Protein backbone atom coordinates (compact mmCIF):
# COMPACT_ATOMS: atom_id res chain seq x y z
CA MET A 1 15.69 -17.79 -5.64
CA SER A 2 14.05 -21.16 -5.00
CA LEU A 3 10.28 -21.66 -4.84
CA GLU A 4 10.61 -22.51 -1.16
CA THR A 5 12.39 -19.22 -0.44
CA LYS A 6 9.77 -17.27 -2.40
CA LEU A 7 6.92 -18.97 -0.52
CA ASN A 8 8.56 -17.99 2.77
CA LYS A 9 8.80 -14.39 1.57
CA TYR A 10 5.17 -14.51 0.41
CA ALA A 11 3.97 -15.71 3.82
CA GLU A 12 5.98 -12.97 5.50
CA LEU A 13 4.57 -10.36 3.08
CA ILE A 14 0.99 -11.46 3.76
CA VAL A 15 1.44 -11.19 7.52
CA LYS A 16 3.62 -8.10 7.85
CA LYS A 17 2.54 -5.91 4.92
CA GLY A 18 -0.79 -7.42 3.89
CA VAL A 19 -2.94 -7.92 6.97
CA ASN A 20 -0.31 -6.21 9.17
CA VAL A 21 -0.52 -8.49 12.21
CA GLN A 22 -0.08 -6.63 15.50
CA PRO A 23 1.12 -8.10 18.84
CA GLY A 24 -1.73 -9.65 20.80
CA GLN A 25 -4.13 -9.92 17.84
CA THR A 26 -6.41 -12.82 17.00
CA ILE A 27 -6.09 -13.92 13.38
CA ILE A 28 -8.56 -16.00 11.35
CA LEU A 29 -7.03 -17.95 8.45
CA TYR A 30 -9.43 -19.43 5.88
CA ALA A 31 -7.76 -22.11 3.76
CA ALA A 32 -8.49 -25.29 1.82
CA VAL A 33 -7.11 -28.48 3.34
CA ASP A 34 -5.03 -29.01 0.20
CA GLU A 35 -3.06 -25.86 1.05
CA ALA A 36 -2.02 -26.90 4.56
CA TYR A 37 1.67 -26.66 3.65
CA PHE A 38 1.49 -22.96 2.78
CA ALA A 39 -1.09 -22.24 5.50
CA ARG A 40 1.44 -23.46 8.09
CA LYS A 41 3.93 -20.91 6.80
CA ILE A 42 1.39 -18.10 7.27
CA VAL A 43 0.57 -19.33 10.79
CA ALA A 44 4.27 -19.43 11.72
CA GLU A 45 4.78 -15.87 10.44
CA ALA A 46 1.69 -14.64 12.31
CA TYR A 47 2.97 -15.98 15.62
CA LYS A 48 6.41 -14.56 14.85
CA ALA A 49 4.73 -11.16 14.44
CA GLY A 50 3.16 -11.50 17.89
CA ALA A 51 -0.30 -12.91 17.19
CA HIS A 52 -2.15 -14.09 20.30
CA GLU A 53 -3.85 -16.91 18.42
CA VAL A 54 -4.50 -18.06 14.86
CA VAL A 55 -7.95 -19.59 14.37
CA MET A 56 -8.03 -21.99 11.42
CA GLU A 57 -11.14 -22.27 9.24
CA TRP A 58 -10.48 -25.25 6.95
CA SER A 59 -12.55 -26.00 3.86
CA ASP A 60 -12.79 -28.79 1.30
CA GLN A 61 -14.69 -28.26 -1.92
CA THR A 62 -15.56 -31.94 -2.37
CA ILE A 63 -17.05 -32.14 1.11
CA ALA A 64 -18.87 -28.84 0.54
CA LYS A 65 -20.40 -30.28 -2.63
CA GLU A 66 -21.62 -33.37 -0.78
CA PHE A 67 -23.23 -31.15 1.84
CA LEU A 68 -24.91 -28.91 -0.72
CA ASN A 69 -26.23 -31.83 -2.76
CA HIS A 70 -27.54 -33.97 0.09
CA THR A 71 -28.48 -31.97 3.17
CA SER A 72 -32.06 -30.84 3.72
CA LEU A 73 -33.33 -27.53 2.43
CA ASP A 74 -34.17 -26.58 6.02
CA ARG A 75 -30.50 -26.96 6.98
CA LEU A 76 -29.43 -24.80 4.05
CA LYS A 77 -31.77 -22.09 5.30
CA GLU A 78 -30.56 -22.13 8.90
CA VAL A 79 -26.98 -21.61 10.06
CA PRO A 80 -26.36 -23.32 13.43
CA ASN A 81 -26.14 -20.99 16.42
CA TYR A 82 -22.68 -22.24 17.35
CA GLN A 83 -21.32 -20.89 14.06
CA VAL A 84 -22.94 -17.51 14.67
CA THR A 85 -21.67 -17.38 18.25
CA LYS A 86 -18.13 -18.21 17.18
CA ALA A 87 -18.16 -15.57 14.45
CA ASN A 88 -19.54 -12.91 16.79
CA GLU A 89 -16.97 -13.68 19.47
CA LEU A 90 -14.17 -13.33 16.93
CA MET A 91 -15.56 -9.96 15.84
CA ASP A 92 -15.75 -8.90 19.50
CA LYS A 93 -11.96 -9.39 19.46
CA TYR A 94 -11.63 -7.47 16.18
CA ALA A 95 -9.95 -10.54 14.73
CA SER A 96 -8.06 -9.94 11.48
CA ARG A 97 -8.99 -12.12 8.51
CA ILE A 98 -6.70 -13.83 5.97
CA SER A 99 -8.54 -15.57 3.12
CA LEU A 100 -6.33 -17.96 1.14
CA ILE A 101 -8.16 -18.87 -2.08
CA SER A 102 -7.07 -21.82 -4.21
CA GLN A 103 -9.98 -24.01 -5.24
CA ASP A 104 -11.40 -25.20 -8.57
CA PRO A 105 -13.32 -22.37 -10.32
CA ASP A 106 -15.81 -24.98 -11.65
CA GLY A 107 -15.86 -27.13 -8.52
CA LEU A 108 -19.51 -26.53 -7.65
CA ALA A 109 -20.85 -26.26 -11.20
CA ASP A 110 -23.11 -29.30 -10.82
CA VAL A 111 -24.72 -28.04 -7.60
CA ASP A 112 -28.28 -26.76 -8.01
CA ALA A 113 -28.13 -22.95 -8.20
CA GLU A 114 -31.16 -22.57 -5.93
CA ARG A 115 -29.57 -24.65 -3.16
CA LEU A 116 -26.28 -22.77 -3.44
CA ALA A 117 -28.09 -19.43 -3.32
CA THR A 118 -30.11 -20.54 -0.28
CA LEU A 119 -26.98 -21.40 1.71
CA THR A 120 -25.20 -18.24 0.59
CA LYS A 121 -28.10 -16.06 1.70
CA ALA A 122 -28.36 -17.84 5.05
CA ASN A 123 -24.65 -17.37 5.70
CA GLN A 124 -24.80 -13.71 4.74
CA LYS A 125 -27.60 -13.09 7.24
CA ALA A 126 -26.23 -15.20 10.09
CA LEU A 127 -22.63 -14.01 9.75
CA PHE A 128 -23.59 -10.40 9.19
CA ARG A 129 -21.18 -9.03 11.79
CA VAL A 130 -18.18 -10.55 10.00
CA ARG A 131 -19.23 -9.09 6.69
CA GLU A 132 -20.08 -5.70 8.21
CA ALA A 133 -16.75 -5.47 10.05
CA THR A 134 -14.95 -6.33 6.82
CA MET A 135 -16.86 -3.89 4.58
CA LYS A 136 -16.40 -1.08 7.13
CA ASP A 137 -12.71 -1.89 7.70
CA ASP A 138 -13.32 -2.26 11.43
CA ILE A 139 -10.82 -5.11 11.13
CA SER A 140 -7.83 -5.65 8.88
CA TRP A 141 -8.37 -8.27 6.19
CA ILE A 142 -6.73 -9.64 3.07
CA VAL A 143 -7.52 -11.96 0.19
CA VAL A 144 -4.55 -13.83 -1.30
CA ALA A 145 -4.05 -16.95 -3.41
CA ALA A 146 -2.34 -20.33 -3.33
CA ALA A 147 -1.85 -22.64 -6.29
CA GLY A 148 -4.48 -25.38 -6.01
CA GLN A 149 -4.07 -28.21 -8.52
CA GLU A 150 -7.56 -28.13 -10.08
CA TRP A 151 -7.35 -24.37 -10.45
CA ALA A 152 -3.84 -24.60 -11.92
CA GLU A 153 -4.91 -27.19 -14.48
CA LYS A 154 -7.81 -24.99 -15.61
CA VAL A 155 -5.55 -21.96 -16.02
CA PHE A 156 -2.87 -24.01 -17.81
CA PRO A 157 -4.75 -26.83 -19.54
CA ASP A 158 -1.62 -28.12 -21.31
CA LEU A 159 0.00 -28.90 -17.94
CA LYS A 160 -0.96 -31.49 -15.37
CA GLY A 161 -0.29 -32.16 -11.70
CA GLN A 162 2.73 -30.56 -10.08
CA ASP A 163 3.85 -28.99 -13.36
CA ALA A 164 0.61 -26.98 -13.47
CA VAL A 165 0.86 -26.12 -9.77
CA ASN A 166 4.44 -24.86 -10.15
CA ARG A 167 3.47 -22.78 -13.16
CA LEU A 168 0.59 -21.16 -11.28
CA TRP A 169 2.81 -20.47 -8.28
CA GLU A 170 5.21 -18.73 -10.66
CA GLU A 171 2.47 -16.36 -11.82
CA ILE A 172 1.05 -15.75 -8.33
CA LEU A 173 4.44 -14.85 -6.90
CA LYS A 174 5.25 -12.57 -9.83
CA ASP A 175 1.93 -10.76 -9.50
CA VAL A 176 2.43 -10.15 -5.77
CA ARG A 177 5.80 -8.60 -6.60
CA ILE A 178 8.11 -11.21 -5.14
CA ASP A 179 11.16 -11.47 -7.39
CA ASP A 180 14.79 -12.53 -7.31
CA ASP A 181 16.22 -9.04 -7.03
CA GLY A 182 14.15 -6.53 -5.04
CA ASP A 183 12.70 -6.58 -1.54
CA ALA A 184 8.97 -7.41 -1.66
CA VAL A 185 8.03 -4.78 0.93
CA ASP A 186 9.95 -2.09 -0.96
CA ASN A 187 8.26 -3.21 -4.18
CA TRP A 188 4.86 -2.79 -2.56
CA ASP A 189 5.66 0.61 -1.06
CA LEU A 190 6.53 1.93 -4.53
CA HIS A 191 3.46 0.34 -6.12
CA ILE A 192 1.11 1.68 -3.43
CA ASN A 193 2.46 5.19 -3.92
CA LYS A 194 1.81 5.07 -7.67
CA LEU A 195 -1.78 3.90 -7.18
CA LYS A 196 -2.36 6.49 -4.46
CA ASN A 197 -1.37 9.23 -6.90
CA LYS A 198 -4.12 8.06 -9.26
CA ALA A 199 -6.70 8.08 -6.45
CA ASP A 200 -5.57 11.54 -5.27
CA TRP A 201 -6.05 12.97 -8.77
CA LEU A 202 -9.52 11.43 -9.09
CA ASN A 203 -10.54 12.78 -5.69
CA GLU A 204 -9.42 16.26 -6.74
CA GLN A 205 -11.63 16.05 -9.85
CA ASN A 206 -14.72 15.08 -7.80
CA PHE A 207 -16.48 13.82 -10.92
CA LYS A 208 -20.26 13.72 -10.96
CA GLU A 209 -20.30 10.74 -13.32
CA LEU A 210 -18.22 8.59 -15.67
CA HIS A 211 -19.08 7.79 -19.30
CA TYR A 212 -17.79 4.43 -20.65
CA LYS A 213 -17.62 3.30 -24.26
CA ASN A 214 -15.98 0.41 -26.11
CA ALA A 215 -17.05 -2.00 -28.85
CA LYS A 216 -19.35 -3.92 -26.48
CA SER A 217 -20.55 -1.37 -23.94
CA ALA A 218 -21.89 2.15 -23.68
CA PHE A 219 -23.05 3.32 -20.26
CA THR A 220 -22.98 6.07 -17.66
CA ILE A 221 -22.21 5.59 -13.96
CA GLY A 222 -22.91 8.40 -11.54
CA LEU A 223 -20.67 8.66 -8.49
CA ALA A 224 -22.12 8.84 -5.00
CA GLU A 225 -22.29 12.24 -3.32
CA GLY A 226 -19.12 12.53 -1.23
CA HIS A 227 -17.53 9.53 -2.92
CA VAL A 228 -13.90 8.73 -2.08
CA TRP A 229 -11.46 7.02 -4.44
CA GLU A 230 -9.18 4.48 -2.75
CA ALA A 231 -6.16 2.51 -3.90
CA ALA A 232 -4.24 -0.49 -2.57
CA TYR A 233 -4.38 0.10 1.16
CA SER A 234 -6.95 0.72 3.90
CA GLN A 235 -6.91 1.51 7.62
CA ASP A 236 -8.70 -0.50 10.29
CA LYS A 237 -10.52 0.84 13.35
CA ALA A 238 -7.35 0.64 15.45
CA GLY A 239 -5.47 2.74 12.89
CA ASN A 240 -3.42 -0.10 11.37
CA ILE A 241 -2.67 0.11 7.62
CA PHE A 242 -3.38 -3.06 5.62
CA ILE A 243 -3.70 -4.18 1.99
CA PRO A 244 -7.05 -5.92 1.31
CA ASN A 245 -5.97 -7.63 -1.93
CA MET A 246 -2.65 -8.99 -3.15
CA PRO A 247 -2.28 -8.53 -6.09
CA THR A 248 -3.95 -5.17 -6.68
CA GLU A 249 -3.82 -2.80 -9.64
CA GLU A 250 -7.03 -0.84 -9.07
CA VAL A 251 -8.39 2.47 -7.86
CA PHE A 252 -12.04 2.27 -6.86
CA THR A 253 -14.99 4.16 -5.41
CA ALA A 254 -18.75 4.03 -4.79
CA PRO A 255 -21.18 4.66 -7.66
CA ASP A 256 -24.47 6.50 -7.26
CA ASN A 257 -27.02 3.69 -7.39
CA ARG A 258 -29.67 6.10 -8.68
CA ASN A 259 -27.69 7.14 -11.75
CA ILE A 260 -26.56 4.14 -13.82
CA HIS A 261 -27.76 3.87 -17.42
CA GLY A 262 -26.90 1.86 -20.52
CA HIS A 263 -25.53 -1.46 -21.68
CA VAL A 264 -22.63 -3.20 -19.90
CA ALA A 265 -20.90 -6.26 -21.38
CA ALA A 266 -18.32 -8.27 -19.44
CA THR A 267 -15.01 -8.91 -21.16
CA LEU A 268 -13.87 -11.84 -18.97
CA PRO A 269 -15.68 -14.80 -17.39
CA LEU A 270 -16.67 -14.57 -13.72
CA SER A 271 -15.90 -17.41 -11.32
CA TYR A 272 -18.42 -17.27 -8.48
CA GLN A 273 -18.69 -19.87 -5.73
CA GLY A 274 -17.53 -22.77 -7.86
CA ASN A 275 -19.39 -21.69 -11.01
CA VAL A 276 -18.06 -19.94 -14.12
CA ILE A 277 -20.45 -17.34 -15.60
CA GLU A 278 -19.57 -16.38 -19.17
CA ASN A 279 -20.46 -13.43 -21.42
CA ILE A 280 -22.41 -11.41 -18.87
CA GLU A 281 -24.47 -8.56 -20.33
CA LEU A 282 -26.50 -6.17 -18.19
CA ASP A 283 -28.85 -3.32 -19.09
CA PHE A 284 -29.38 -0.53 -16.56
CA GLU A 285 -32.11 2.06 -16.19
CA ASP A 286 -32.26 4.55 -13.31
CA GLY A 287 -29.58 2.67 -11.44
CA ARG A 288 -31.22 -0.75 -11.65
CA ILE A 289 -30.53 -3.88 -13.68
CA VAL A 290 -33.51 -4.34 -15.98
CA LYS A 291 -32.10 -7.15 -18.14
CA ALA A 292 -29.40 -9.79 -17.58
CA GLN A 293 -27.88 -12.25 -20.05
CA ALA A 294 -25.09 -14.84 -19.96
CA THR A 295 -24.16 -17.74 -22.23
CA SER A 296 -23.44 -19.97 -19.23
CA GLY A 297 -24.25 -19.66 -15.55
CA LEU A 298 -27.27 -17.44 -16.16
CA ASP A 299 -29.20 -19.14 -13.35
CA VAL A 300 -26.40 -18.31 -10.90
CA LEU A 301 -26.20 -14.72 -12.16
CA GLU A 302 -29.94 -14.27 -11.70
CA LYS A 303 -29.72 -15.57 -8.13
CA ILE A 304 -27.00 -13.00 -7.39
CA ILE A 305 -29.07 -10.15 -8.86
CA ASN A 306 -32.23 -11.21 -6.98
CA THR A 307 -30.59 -11.57 -3.56
CA ASP A 308 -32.10 -8.30 -2.33
CA GLU A 309 -32.98 -4.82 -3.57
CA GLY A 310 -29.36 -3.63 -3.47
CA SER A 311 -28.12 -6.51 -5.61
CA LYS A 312 -30.07 -5.05 -8.51
CA SER A 313 -27.58 -2.20 -8.61
CA LEU A 314 -23.83 -1.55 -8.23
CA GLY A 315 -21.63 -0.88 -5.21
CA GLU A 316 -18.19 -0.44 -6.75
CA VAL A 317 -16.64 1.13 -9.82
CA SER A 318 -12.98 0.32 -10.34
CA LEU A 319 -10.39 1.51 -12.85
CA VAL A 320 -7.56 -0.79 -14.00
CA PRO A 321 -5.43 0.05 -17.06
CA ASP A 322 -5.16 -2.59 -19.75
CA PRO A 323 -1.34 -2.33 -19.66
CA SER A 324 -1.37 -3.65 -16.07
CA PRO A 325 1.03 -6.61 -15.64
CA ILE A 326 -1.75 -9.15 -15.11
CA ALA A 327 -3.60 -8.06 -18.25
CA GLN A 328 -0.42 -8.12 -20.29
CA SER A 329 0.38 -11.66 -19.15
CA GLY A 330 -2.52 -12.80 -21.34
CA ILE A 331 -3.52 -15.35 -18.70
CA LEU A 332 -7.17 -15.90 -17.83
CA PHE A 333 -7.13 -16.94 -14.18
CA TYR A 334 -10.83 -17.75 -13.72
CA ASN A 335 -10.38 -16.08 -10.34
CA THR A 336 -11.69 -12.62 -9.51
CA LEU A 337 -8.71 -11.69 -7.32
CA PHE A 338 -6.51 -11.81 -10.42
CA ASP A 339 -8.92 -11.17 -13.29
CA GLU A 340 -10.32 -8.00 -11.68
CA ASN A 341 -6.76 -6.65 -11.55
CA ALA A 342 -6.41 -7.19 -15.29
CA SER A 343 -9.51 -5.17 -16.13
CA ASP A 344 -11.80 -2.30 -15.25
CA HIS A 345 -14.55 -3.83 -13.18
CA LEU A 346 -17.84 -3.19 -11.43
CA ALA A 347 -19.44 -4.90 -8.44
CA ILE A 348 -23.04 -5.96 -8.14
CA GLY A 349 -24.27 -5.22 -4.62
CA ALA A 350 -22.80 -3.51 -1.58
CA ALA A 351 -20.55 -0.45 -1.52
CA TYR A 352 -17.59 -0.17 0.85
CA ALA A 353 -18.00 2.23 3.77
CA SER A 354 -14.57 3.73 3.07
CA ASN A 355 -15.70 4.82 -0.41
CA ILE A 356 -17.97 7.59 0.86
CA SER A 357 -17.27 10.41 3.29
CA GLY A 358 -18.56 9.52 6.75
CA GLY A 359 -19.13 5.95 5.66
CA LYS A 360 -17.60 4.37 8.76
CA THR A 361 -19.62 6.45 11.24
CA GLU A 362 -22.88 7.57 9.62
CA LYS A 363 -26.00 5.44 9.62
CA PRO A 364 -26.44 3.39 6.42
CA GLU A 365 -29.84 4.95 5.72
CA ASN A 366 -28.23 8.40 5.63
CA LEU A 367 -25.52 7.21 3.26
CA ALA A 368 -28.18 5.64 1.04
CA LYS A 369 -29.67 9.11 0.48
CA ARG A 370 -26.40 10.01 -1.28
CA GLY A 371 -26.54 7.01 -3.64
CA TRP A 372 -24.49 4.56 -1.53
CA ASN A 373 -25.66 1.00 -2.21
CA ILE A 374 -26.65 -1.47 0.51
CA SER A 375 -26.79 -5.23 -0.14
CA ASP A 376 -25.79 -8.63 1.22
CA GLU A 377 -23.91 -9.27 -2.05
CA HIS A 378 -20.67 -7.88 -3.45
CA VAL A 379 -19.71 -9.59 -6.71
CA ASP A 380 -17.10 -8.10 -9.04
CA PHE A 381 -17.23 -8.65 -12.79
CA MET A 382 -14.78 -7.48 -15.44
CA ILE A 383 -15.58 -4.98 -18.19
CA GLY A 384 -12.21 -3.52 -19.27
CA SER A 385 -10.58 -3.75 -22.71
CA ASP A 386 -7.85 -2.17 -24.79
CA ASP A 387 -10.47 -0.07 -26.60
CA MET A 388 -12.19 1.29 -23.49
CA ASP A 389 -12.60 5.08 -23.36
CA ILE A 390 -13.78 6.71 -20.13
CA ASP A 391 -14.67 10.38 -19.63
CA GLY A 392 -15.26 12.04 -16.29
CA VAL A 393 -17.89 14.78 -16.03
CA THR A 394 -17.22 17.40 -13.37
CA GLN A 395 -19.86 18.99 -11.14
CA ASP A 396 -19.77 21.97 -13.55
CA GLY A 397 -20.31 19.79 -16.62
CA GLU A 398 -16.74 19.82 -17.94
CA VAL A 399 -15.73 16.59 -19.71
CA VAL A 400 -12.27 15.31 -18.73
CA PRO A 401 -10.61 12.29 -20.41
CA VAL A 402 -9.80 9.59 -17.84
CA PHE A 403 -9.04 6.53 -20.02
CA ARG A 404 -8.19 6.34 -23.69
CA SER A 405 -7.74 2.97 -25.43
CA GLY A 406 -7.77 1.16 -22.12
CA ASP A 407 -5.10 3.25 -20.39
CA TRP A 408 -4.92 6.40 -18.33
CA ALA A 409 -5.39 9.52 -20.45
CA GLN A 410 -2.88 12.35 -20.38
CA VAL A 411 -3.07 14.10 -17.02
CA PRO A 412 -2.19 17.83 -16.84
CA ALA A 413 1.52 18.37 -16.28
CA SER A 414 0.65 20.49 -13.25
CA TYR A 415 -0.30 17.31 -11.39
CA PRO A 416 2.92 15.75 -10.01
CA ASN A 417 3.88 12.11 -9.60
CA PHE A 418 0.97 10.68 -11.57
CA GLU A 419 2.99 7.93 -13.22
């Protein structure tokens, strides 16, 4: 199968299975100008599926850097009203969101961390309705990737130009389960079912907390009261099923932000808004980060943690076995969409509404009383390894193996279809 044919199948998969475009919907597509060729394929598939309109939100990292380096601090603090109005009108239409990521992981590394944090915080406040609708699954949304050249050359430093781009496309398409033999939709249906079985088992256990230990980390994470484990797919307010991330290898839920203790060391770098943060180490007491270290990007990490009160704690705990295909590829993508699906991970900041019972209807302040975390941030970082052991502790105090040596522990034979 040619690359062109696979890209066509990928665009169709994103639209039909990923964000699940419905007739008459408004779609927002976020894409870098360098990826116009593939973006056009997504647009064509969206209209073929019956979309009413596709609203393009183009970006360019070089232009963004010029803006961040040279505009006034006052402008960084204030998002223009026309941007807020546009975003709110799109949310009034329950517009679905497709985020196509492709840019250089280090592309904003020479931007002052304070200026970047100022703009990020302003956008989070001004565009709150977009973020809220996404976190609550009021709308369908998906994050997917395209092979940008700067990103490709960082992932494959021995290759340059189109050779690097083609190599990265090869990996992206493999990881989203597009191959020469099977049907991509059938591949995803099978994969979703396997992940759902894991989430179902975890929900049956209703663990009070998880205990993690490997060579670098030893910590406990409580789970929010009424927490719900999810895997692969979600459902929007209209009842449409969608897949938020392609690829995905995780099952995830909401931690109890009052019960997190110990030392957590990242096992992969984190690429965050054009900066690479390496060797993250965090110490937790009573659910809060009390010490943060990193060998590079520490200033950016500290800005993330100090965004608000909720960014001093965690909003997601996610399990990914080390034998997952992305981990076994041995490729460091410098991109959270891929690296988080190669590794157990945690998220600094907000919890998803779908990860706690009543989360989509109850008031946030009521959910917070059960340990659900509220923040303007949600930043995943990777902690998994092939020596990670995880035990679940039940409400009655029973200790149940969940992971051994980085993979799922033996589940009782009475539980069907776990593999």
